[in-house]
Amino acid sequence: MLCAYLRMPYPAEPAEPAESAPLEERLAWQATREVRHTVIRVVRDHLCPRISGSAASWEGCDLDFTGVIFDDAVLAQPPACLLLPRPAEP
């Protein structure tokens, strides 16, 4: 479900609404961005438990990030465990 949320349409460079934009629009933008970044951090931390100290590991899980846009600095410098090539399937 987390991967599905991240695959939902999202602009490649989400522009923050101007200060003159209605408060509701600015709050909606901030809420969406916060949820996305939290989901990305949770996934990252569970894929790299030795680095993050997470108790539960998702290493070896098949996660589908097809079309996901990883914006901002959440994964600007991904941990090495996310950069390793996946083993070939038999």
N, C-alpha and C. Protein backbone atom coordinates (compact mmCIF):
# COMPACT_ATOMS: atom_id res chain seq x y z
N MET A 1 0.82 -1.18 0.00
CA MET A 1 0.00 0.00 0.00
C MET A 1 0.88 1.26 0.00
N LEU A 2 2.04 1.20 0.66
CA LEU A 2 2.91 2.38 0.68
C LEU A 2 3.44 2.68 -0.71
N CYS A 3 3.81 1.64 -1.45
CA CYS A 3 4.30 1.85 -2.81
C CYS A 3 3.19 2.41 -3.69
N ALA A 4 1.97 1.91 -3.52
CA ALA A 4 0.84 2.40 -4.31
C ALA A 4 0.61 3.88 -4.03
N TYR A 5 0.73 4.28 -2.77
CA TYR A 5 0.56 5.70 -2.44
C TYR A 5 1.62 6.53 -3.16
N LEU A 6 2.87 6.05 -3.16
CA LEU A 6 3.94 6.81 -3.80
C LEU A 6 3.81 6.85 -5.32
N ARG A 7 3.10 5.86 -5.89
CA ARG A 7 2.92 5.84 -7.35
C ARG A 7 1.77 6.75 -7.80
N MET A 8 1.00 7.29 -6.86
CA MET A 8 -0.09 8.19 -7.24
C MET A 8 0.49 9.41 -7.95
N PRO A 9 -0.28 10.01 -8.86
CA PRO A 9 0.24 11.17 -9.60
C PRO A 9 0.80 12.24 -8.67
N TYR A 10 1.99 12.71 -9.02
CA TYR A 10 2.69 13.72 -8.22
C TYR A 10 3.62 14.46 -9.16
N PRO A 11 3.63 15.78 -9.13
CA PRO A 11 4.49 16.53 -10.06
C PRO A 11 5.97 16.30 -9.76
N ALA A 12 6.78 16.28 -10.82
CA ALA A 12 8.21 16.05 -10.67
C ALA A 12 8.87 17.12 -9.79
N GLU A 13 8.41 18.32 -9.91
CA GLU A 13 8.92 19.41 -9.08
C GLU A 13 7.75 20.15 -8.47
N PRO A 14 7.23 19.63 -7.37
CA PRO A 14 6.04 20.24 -6.78
C PRO A 14 6.34 21.65 -6.26
N ALA A 15 5.68 22.62 -6.84
CA ALA A 15 5.91 24.00 -6.45
C ALA A 15 5.03 24.36 -5.26
N GLU A 16 5.66 24.92 -4.25
CA GLU A 16 4.92 25.35 -3.08
C GLU A 16 4.01 26.51 -3.47
N PRO A 17 2.77 26.48 -3.02
CA PRO A 17 1.86 27.58 -3.34
C PRO A 17 2.41 28.91 -2.81
N ALA A 18 2.12 29.97 -3.52
CA ALA A 18 2.56 31.30 -3.10
C ALA A 18 1.89 31.67 -1.78
N GLU A 19 2.53 32.56 -1.05
CA GLU A 19 1.96 32.99 0.23
C GLU A 19 0.60 33.65 0.04
N SER A 20 0.34 34.14 -1.16
CA SER A 20 -0.95 34.78 -1.44
C SER A 20 -2.05 33.74 -1.73
N ALA A 21 -1.64 32.47 -1.88
CA ALA A 21 -2.63 31.41 -2.15
C ALA A 21 -3.50 31.22 -0.91
N PRO A 22 -4.71 30.73 -1.10
CA PRO A 22 -5.58 30.49 0.05
C PRO A 22 -4.92 29.55 1.06
N LEU A 23 -5.19 29.79 2.33
CA LEU A 23 -4.61 28.99 3.40
C LEU A 23 -4.90 27.50 3.20
N GLU A 24 -6.11 27.16 2.79
CA GLU A 24 -6.48 25.76 2.59
C GLU A 24 -5.58 25.09 1.55
N GLU A 25 -5.27 25.80 0.48
CA GLU A 25 -4.40 25.26 -0.58
C GLU A 25 -2.99 25.04 -0.05
N ARG A 26 -2.46 26.00 0.71
CA ARG A 26 -1.11 25.86 1.26
C ARG A 26 -1.04 24.72 2.26
N LEU A 27 -2.06 24.57 3.10
CA LEU A 27 -2.07 23.48 4.08
C LEU A 27 -2.19 22.12 3.41
N ALA A 28 -3.00 22.03 2.36
CA ALA A 28 -3.14 20.77 1.62
C ALA A 28 -1.81 20.37 0.99
N TRP A 29 -1.10 21.33 0.41
CA TRP A 29 0.20 21.06 -0.20
C TRP A 29 1.18 20.56 0.86
N GLN A 30 1.23 21.24 2.01
CA GLN A 30 2.16 20.85 3.07
C GLN A 30 1.82 19.47 3.61
N ALA A 31 0.54 19.17 3.76
CA ALA A 31 0.12 17.87 4.28
C ALA A 31 0.51 16.74 3.33
N THR A 32 0.25 16.93 2.05
CA THR A 32 0.60 15.92 1.05
C THR A 32 2.09 15.67 1.03
N ARG A 33 2.86 16.73 1.05
CA ARG A 33 4.32 16.61 1.02
C ARG A 33 4.83 15.90 2.28
N GLU A 34 4.28 16.23 3.43
CA GLU A 34 4.71 15.60 4.68
C GLU A 34 4.40 14.11 4.68
N VAL A 35 3.22 13.74 4.20
CA VAL A 35 2.86 12.32 4.15
C VAL A 35 3.80 11.58 3.20
N ARG A 36 4.05 12.12 2.01
CA ARG A 36 4.96 11.48 1.05
C ARG A 36 6.33 11.27 1.66
N HIS A 37 6.87 12.31 2.28
CA HIS A 37 8.22 12.22 2.82
C HIS A 37 8.27 11.23 4.00
N THR A 38 7.21 11.16 4.76
CA THR A 38 7.16 10.19 5.86
C THR A 38 7.14 8.77 5.32
N VAL A 39 6.33 8.53 4.28
CA VAL A 39 6.27 7.19 3.67
C VAL A 39 7.64 6.81 3.12
N ILE A 40 8.30 7.73 2.45
CA ILE A 40 9.63 7.45 1.88
C ILE A 40 10.62 7.15 2.99
N ARG A 41 10.59 7.91 4.08
CA ARG A 41 11.51 7.66 5.20
C ARG A 41 11.24 6.29 5.84
N VAL A 42 9.98 5.93 6.00
CA VAL A 42 9.63 4.63 6.59
C VAL A 42 10.16 3.50 5.71
N VAL A 43 9.94 3.60 4.40
CA VAL A 43 10.43 2.57 3.48
C VAL A 43 11.96 2.51 3.55
N ARG A 44 12.60 3.66 3.47
CA ARG A 44 14.07 3.70 3.52
C ARG A 44 14.59 3.06 4.80
N ASP A 45 14.00 3.43 5.93
CA ASP A 45 14.47 2.91 7.21
C ASP A 45 14.29 1.41 7.34
N HIS A 46 13.22 0.86 6.76
CA HIS A 46 12.99 -0.58 6.84
C HIS A 46 13.81 -1.36 5.81
N LEU A 47 14.24 -0.70 4.75
CA LEU A 47 15.10 -1.37 3.78
C LEU A 47 16.56 -1.37 4.24
N CYS A 48 16.89 -0.47 5.13
CA CYS A 48 18.27 -0.33 5.62
C CYS A 48 18.29 -0.35 7.15
N PRO A 49 17.82 -1.44 7.76
CA PRO A 49 17.70 -1.45 9.22
C PRO A 49 19.03 -1.31 9.96
N ARG A 50 20.10 -1.77 9.36
CA ARG A 50 21.41 -1.66 10.03
C ARG A 50 21.82 -0.20 10.13
N ILE A 51 21.42 0.61 9.19
CA ILE A 51 21.76 2.03 9.19
C ILE A 51 20.78 2.82 10.05
N SER A 52 19.49 2.51 9.92
CA SER A 52 18.46 3.29 10.59
C SER A 52 18.19 2.85 12.02
N GLY A 53 18.55 1.62 12.35
CA GLY A 53 18.26 1.10 13.68
C GLY A 53 16.84 0.57 13.80
N SER A 54 16.13 0.45 12.68
CA SER A 54 14.76 -0.06 12.70
C SER A 54 14.76 -1.52 13.15
N ALA A 55 13.77 -1.87 13.94
CA ALA A 55 13.67 -3.24 14.46
C ALA A 55 13.20 -4.22 13.38
N ALA A 56 12.41 -3.75 12.44
CA ALA A 56 11.85 -4.62 11.40
C ALA A 56 12.56 -4.36 10.07
N SER A 57 12.93 -5.43 9.40
CA SER A 57 13.61 -5.30 8.11
C SER A 57 12.70 -5.71 6.97
N TRP A 58 12.73 -4.92 5.92
CA TRP A 58 12.01 -5.27 4.70
C TRP A 58 13.00 -5.69 3.62
N GLU A 59 14.25 -5.96 4.00
CA GLU A 59 15.25 -6.42 3.03
C GLU A 59 14.72 -7.69 2.39
N GLY A 60 14.87 -7.80 1.09
CA GLY A 60 14.40 -8.97 0.37
C GLY A 60 12.96 -8.86 -0.10
N CYS A 61 12.24 -7.85 0.36
CA CYS A 61 10.86 -7.65 -0.12
C CYS A 61 10.90 -7.08 -1.53
N ASP A 62 9.93 -7.45 -2.32
CA ASP A 62 9.84 -6.96 -3.69
C ASP A 62 8.90 -5.75 -3.71
N LEU A 63 9.48 -4.56 -3.68
CA LEU A 63 8.70 -3.33 -3.65
C LEU A 63 8.69 -2.71 -5.05
N ASP A 64 7.53 -2.28 -5.49
CA ASP A 64 7.38 -1.73 -6.84
C ASP A 64 7.34 -0.20 -6.79
N PHE A 65 8.45 0.42 -7.15
CA PHE A 65 8.54 1.88 -7.19
C PHE A 65 8.44 2.41 -8.62
N THR A 66 7.85 1.64 -9.51
CA THR A 66 7.72 2.05 -10.90
C THR A 66 7.01 3.40 -10.99
N GLY A 67 7.68 4.37 -11.60
CA GLY A 67 7.09 5.69 -11.81
C GLY A 67 7.08 6.60 -10.59
N VAL A 68 7.64 6.15 -9.47
CA VAL A 68 7.64 6.97 -8.26
C VAL A 68 8.61 8.14 -8.42
N ILE A 69 8.19 9.30 -7.98
CA ILE A 69 9.05 10.48 -7.97
C ILE A 69 9.53 10.67 -6.54
N PHE A 70 10.84 10.55 -6.34
CA PHE A 70 11.44 10.78 -5.03
C PHE A 70 11.96 12.21 -5.02
N ASP A 71 11.19 13.10 -4.44
CA ASP A 71 11.55 14.51 -4.44
C ASP A 71 12.24 14.91 -3.13
N ASP A 72 12.80 16.09 -3.15
CA ASP A 72 13.43 16.72 -2.00
C ASP A 72 14.64 15.91 -1.53
N ALA A 73 15.02 16.07 -0.29
CA ALA A 73 16.26 15.47 0.19
C ALA A 73 16.07 14.15 0.91
N VAL A 74 14.85 13.62 0.94
CA VAL A 74 14.61 12.38 1.68
C VAL A 74 15.53 11.27 1.17
N LEU A 75 15.70 11.17 -0.13
CA LEU A 75 16.61 10.18 -0.70
C LEU A 75 17.64 10.85 -1.61
N ALA A 76 17.98 12.10 -1.31
CA ALA A 76 18.95 12.81 -2.14
C ALA A 76 20.28 12.06 -2.15
N GLN A 77 20.65 11.49 -1.01
CA GLN A 77 21.84 10.66 -0.92
C GLN A 77 21.40 9.32 -0.33
N PRO A 78 20.90 8.42 -1.19
CA PRO A 78 20.38 7.16 -0.69
C PRO A 78 21.46 6.34 0.00
N PRO A 79 21.08 5.63 1.06
CA PRO A 79 22.03 4.74 1.71
C PRO A 79 22.52 3.68 0.74
N ALA A 80 23.71 3.17 0.99
CA ALA A 80 24.32 2.18 0.09
C ALA A 80 23.43 0.97 -0.11
N CYS A 81 22.64 0.59 0.90
CA CYS A 81 21.82 -0.62 0.76
C CYS A 81 20.76 -0.44 -0.32
N LEU A 82 20.42 0.78 -0.69
CA LEU A 82 19.45 1.00 -1.76
C LEU A 82 20.12 1.09 -3.12
N LEU A 83 21.42 1.17 -3.15
CA LEU A 83 22.14 1.31 -4.42
C LEU A 83 22.72 0.00 -4.93
N LEU A 84 22.71 -1.03 -4.08
CA LEU A 84 23.26 -2.32 -4.50
C LEU A 84 22.40 -2.96 -5.57
N PRO A 85 23.01 -3.57 -6.57
CA PRO A 85 22.21 -4.22 -7.61
C PRO A 85 21.44 -5.39 -7.03
N ARG A 86 20.25 -5.60 -7.56
CA ARG A 86 19.44 -6.73 -7.11
C ARG A 86 19.98 -8.02 -7.73
N PRO A 87 19.92 -9.11 -6.98
CA PRO A 87 20.39 -10.39 -7.53
C PRO A 87 19.49 -10.81 -8.71
N ALA A 88 20.11 -11.47 -9.67
CA ALA A 88 19.37 -11.94 -10.83
C ALA A 88 18.36 -13.01 -10.41
N GLU A 89 17.19 -12.95 -11.02
CA GLU A 89 16.16 -13.96 -10.70
C GLU A 89 16.46 -15.22 -11.49
N PRO A 90 16.17 -16.40 -10.88
CA PRO A 90 16.46 -17.67 -11.56
C PRO A 90 15.59 -17.88 -12.77
